Amino acid sequence: MIILTAAALGISAGQMRSAGVIALVAALIGMTFALAAIFSPGPVSLLALLYAILGYNGGLILFVLGLYASARLRALRVFQ
Protein backbone atom coordinates (compact mmCIF):
# COMPACT_ATOMS: atom_id res chain seq x y z
CA MET A 1 0.00 0.00 0.00
CA ILE A 2 2.93 2.32 0.67
CA ILE A 3 4.23 1.82 -2.85
CA LEU A 4 0.84 2.57 -4.44
CA THR A 5 0.34 5.69 -2.32
CA ALA A 6 3.83 6.95 -3.11
CA ALA A 7 3.34 6.22 -6.82
CA ALA A 8 0.11 8.22 -6.74
CA LEU A 9 2.00 11.08 -5.10
CA GLY A 10 4.65 10.84 -7.84
CA ILE A 11 2.09 10.97 -10.62
CA SER A 12 0.24 13.84 -8.94
CA ALA A 13 3.45 15.82 -8.39
CA GLY A 14 4.46 15.18 -12.00
CA GLN A 15 1.15 16.56 -13.25
CA MET A 16 1.99 19.87 -11.58
CA ARG A 17 5.04 20.09 -13.88
CA SER A 18 6.97 22.05 -11.31
CA ALA A 19 10.39 21.02 -10.06
CA GLY A 20 9.65 22.80 -6.80
CA VAL A 21 6.54 20.72 -6.17
CA ILE A 22 8.37 17.50 -7.04
CA ALA A 23 11.18 18.37 -4.62
CA LEU A 24 8.72 19.49 -1.93
CA VAL A 25 6.76 16.24 -2.04
CA ALA A 26 10.00 14.24 -1.89
CA ALA A 27 11.13 16.27 1.12
CA LEU A 28 7.75 15.82 2.81
CA ILE A 29 8.01 12.05 2.43
CA GLY A 30 11.37 12.12 4.20
CA MET A 31 10.17 14.54 6.87
CA THR A 32 7.12 12.38 7.56
CA PHE A 33 9.30 9.37 8.23
CA ALA A 34 11.67 11.47 10.36
CA LEU A 35 8.77 12.73 12.46
CA ALA A 36 7.45 9.18 12.80
CA ALA A 37 10.87 8.06 14.03
CA ILE A 38 10.99 10.88 16.58
CA PHE A 39 7.47 10.62 17.98
CA SER A 40 6.69 6.93 17.54
CA PRO A 41 6.94 4.82 20.69
CA GLY A 42 7.98 1.83 18.61
CA PRO A 43 10.53 1.29 15.86
CA VAL A 44 10.10 2.84 12.43
CA SER A 45 10.73 0.64 9.42
CA LEU A 46 13.41 1.97 7.11
CA LEU A 47 12.24 -0.58 4.57
CA ALA A 48 8.93 1.31 4.40
CA LEU A 49 10.88 4.50 3.68
CA LEU A 50 12.73 2.71 0.90
CA TYR A 51 9.41 1.50 -0.53
CA ALA A 52 8.01 5.03 -0.37
CA ILE A 53 11.04 6.47 -2.18
CA LEU A 54 10.95 3.76 -4.85
CA GLY A 55 7.20 4.19 -5.30
CA TYR A 56 7.51 7.97 -5.62
CA ASN A 57 10.28 7.71 -8.20
CA GLY A 58 8.31 5.00 -10.00
CA GLY A 59 5.27 7.27 -10.16
CA LEU A 60 7.36 10.08 -11.62
CA ILE A 61 8.82 7.71 -14.19
CA LEU A 62 5.36 6.41 -15.11
CA PHE A 63 4.17 9.97 -15.59
CA VAL A 64 7.11 10.84 -17.86
CA LEU A 65 6.61 7.65 -19.87
CA GLY A 66 2.92 8.55 -20.21
CA LEU A 67 3.84 11.99 -21.52
CA TYR A 68 6.25 10.44 -24.00
CA ALA A 69 3.66 7.90 -25.19
CA SER A 70 1.04 10.62 -25.51
CA ALA A 71 3.37 12.77 -27.60
CA ARG A 72 4.28 9.81 -29.82
CA LEU A 73 0.64 8.88 -30.40
CA ARG A 74 -0.25 12.49 -31.10
CA ALA A 75 2.60 12.71 -33.63
CA LEU A 76 1.50 9.51 -35.37
CA ARG A 77 -2.06 10.77 -35.76
CA VAL A 78 -0.84 13.99 -37.39
CA PHE A 79 1.15 12.27 -40.12
CA GLN A 80 -1.40 9.61 -41.06
C-alpha atoms as a PDB file:
ATOM      1  CA  MET A   1       0.000   0.000   0.000  1.00  0.00           C
ATOM      2  CA  ILE A   2       2.928   2.316   0.666  1.00  0.00           C
ATOM      3  CA  ILE A   3       4.227   1.816  -2.854  1.00  0.00           C
ATOM      4  CA  LEU A   4       0.842   2.572  -4.438  1.00  0.00           C
ATOM      5  CA  THR A   5       0.337   5.690  -2.324  1.00  0.00           C
ATOM      6  CA  ALA A   6       3.826   6.951  -3.109  1.00  0.00           C
ATOM      7  CA  ALA A   7       3.338   6.221  -6.816  1.00  0.00           C
ATOM      8  CA  ALA A   8       0.106   8.218  -6.743  1.00  0.00           C
ATOM      9  CA  LEU A   9       2.001  11.077  -5.101  1.00  0.00           C
ATOM     10  CA  GLY A  10       4.654  10.844  -7.842  1.00  0.00           C
ATOM     11  CA  ILE A  11       2.088  10.966 -10.622  1.00  0.00           C
ATOM     12  CA  SER A  12       0.242  13.845  -8.944  1.00  0.00           C
ATOM     13  CA  ALA A  13       3.446  15.818  -8.389  1.00  0.00           C
ATOM     14  CA  GLY A  14       4.457  15.184 -12.000  1.00  0.00           C
ATOM     15  CA  GLN A  15       1.154  16.563 -13.247  1.00  0.00           C
ATOM     16  CA  MET A  16       1.985  19.869 -11.583  1.00  0.00           C
ATOM     17  CA  ARG A  17       5.039  20.092 -13.884  1.00  0.00           C
ATOM     18  CA  SER A  18       6.975  22.054 -11.312  1.00  0.00           C
ATOM     19  CA  ALA A  19      10.394  21.018 -10.062  1.00  0.00           C
ATOM     20  CA  GLY A  20       9.645  22.802  -6.802  1.00  0.00           C
ATOM     21  CA  VAL A  21       6.539  20.717  -6.175  1.00  0.00           C
ATOM     22  CA  ILE A  22       8.368  17.502  -7.040  1.00  0.00           C
ATOM     23  CA  ALA A  23      11.181  18.366  -4.619  1.00  0.00           C
ATOM     24  CA  LEU A  24       8.724  19.492  -1.930  1.00  0.00           C
ATOM     25  CA  VAL A  25       6.761  16.236  -2.045  1.00  0.00           C
ATOM     26  CA  ALA A  26       9.999  14.241  -1.894  1.00  0.00           C
ATOM     27  CA  ALA A  27      11.130  16.274   1.121  1.00  0.00           C
ATOM     28  CA  LEU A  28       7.745  15.822   2.806  1.00  0.00           C
ATOM     29  CA  ILE A  29       8.015  12.050   2.432  1.00  0.00           C
ATOM     30  CA  GLY A  30      11.368  12.124   4.196  1.00  0.00           C
ATOM     31  CA  MET A  31      10.174  14.539   6.871  1.00  0.00           C
ATOM     32  CA  THR A  32       7.119  12.383   7.560  1.00  0.00           C
ATOM     33  CA  PHE A  33       9.297   9.367   8.235  1.00  0.00           C
ATOM     34  CA  ALA A  34      11.670  11.468  10.356  1.00  0.00           C
ATOM     35  CA  LEU A  35       8.765  12.734  12.461  1.00  0.00           C
ATOM     36  CA  ALA A  36       7.452   9.184  12.797  1.00  0.00           C
ATOM     37  CA  ALA A  37      10.868   8.064  14.035  1.00  0.00           C
ATOM     38  CA  ILE A  38      10.994  10.883  16.582  1.00  0.00           C
ATOM     39  CA  PHE A  39       7.472  10.618  17.981  1.00  0.00           C
ATOM     40  CA  SER A  40       6.693   6.931  17.536  1.00  0.00           C
ATOM     41  CA  PRO A  41       6.940   4.819  20.692  1.00  0.00           C
ATOM     42  CA  GLY A  42       7.983   1.826  18.606  1.00  0.00           C
ATOM     43  CA  PRO A  43      10.535   1.288  15.861  1.00  0.00           C
ATOM     44  CA  VAL A  44      10.096   2.838  12.429  1.00  0.00           C
ATOM     45  CA  SER A  45      10.728   0.636   9.420  1.00  0.00           C
ATOM     46  CA  LEU A  46      13.413   1.970   7.110  1.00  0.00           C
ATOM     47  CA  LEU A  47      12.243  -0.584   4.571  1.00  0.00           C
ATOM     48  CA  ALA A  48       8.926   1.313   4.401  1.00  0.00           C
ATOM     49  CA  LEU A  49      10.878   4.504   3.684  1.00  0.00           C
ATOM     50  CA  LEU A  50      12.730   2.711   0.900  1.00  0.00           C
ATOM     51  CA  TYR A  51       9.413   1.498  -0.531  1.00  0.00           C
ATOM     52  CA  ALA A  52       8.013   5.034  -0.375  1.00  0.00           C
ATOM     53  CA  ILE A  53      11.039   6.472  -2.184  1.00  0.00           C
ATOM     54  CA  LEU A  54      10.946   3.761  -4.848  1.00  0.00           C
ATOM     55  CA  GLY A  55       7.195   4.189  -5.304  1.00  0.00           C
ATOM     56  CA  TYR A  56       7.509   7.973  -5.621  1.00  0.00           C
ATOM     57  CA  ASN A  57      10.276   7.708  -8.203  1.00  0.00           C
ATOM     58  CA  GLY A  58       8.313   5.004 -10.000  1.00  0.00           C
ATOM     59  CA  GLY A  59       5.266   7.268 -10.156  1.00  0.00           C
ATOM     60  CA  LEU A  60       7.357  10.078 -11.623  1.00  0.00           C
ATOM     61  CA  ILE A  61       8.825   7.713 -14.194  1.00  0.00           C
ATOM     62  CA  LEU A  62       5.358   6.408 -15.111  1.00  0.00           C
ATOM     63  CA  PHE A  63       4.168   9.973 -15.594  1.00  0.00           C
ATOM     64  CA  VAL A  64       7.112  10.845 -17.858  1.00  0.00           C
ATOM     65  CA  LEU A  65       6.605   7.651 -19.868  1.00  0.00           C
ATOM     66  CA  GLY A  66       2.916   8.551 -20.210  1.00  0.00           C
ATOM     67  CA  LEU A  67       3.845  11.990 -21.515  1.00  0.00           C
ATOM     68  CA  TYR A  68       6.249  10.438 -24.000  1.00  0.00           C
ATOM     69  CA  ALA A  69       3.662   7.896 -25.185  1.00  0.00           C
ATOM     70  CA  SER A  70       1.042  10.618 -25.509  1.00  0.00           C
ATOM     71  CA  ALA A  71       3.374  12.765 -27.602  1.00  0.00           C
ATOM     72  CA  ARG A  72       4.276   9.809 -29.825  1.00  0.00           C
ATOM     73  CA  LEU A  73       0.644   8.885 -30.401  1.00  0.00           C
ATOM     74  CA  ARG A  74      -0.250  12.487 -31.096  1.00  0.00           C
ATOM     75  CA  ALA A  75       2.599  12.714 -33.630  1.00  0.00           C
ATOM     76  CA  LEU A  76       1.499   9.511 -35.372  1.00  0.00           C
ATOM     77  CA  ARG A  77      -2.061  10.772 -35.758  1.00  0.00           C
ATOM     78  CA  VAL A  78      -0.843  13.995 -37.387  1.00  0.00           C
ATOM     79  CA  PHE A  79       1.149  12.269 -40.115  1.00  0.00           C
ATOM     80  CA  GLN A  80      -1.400   9.609 -41.059  1.00  0.00           C
END
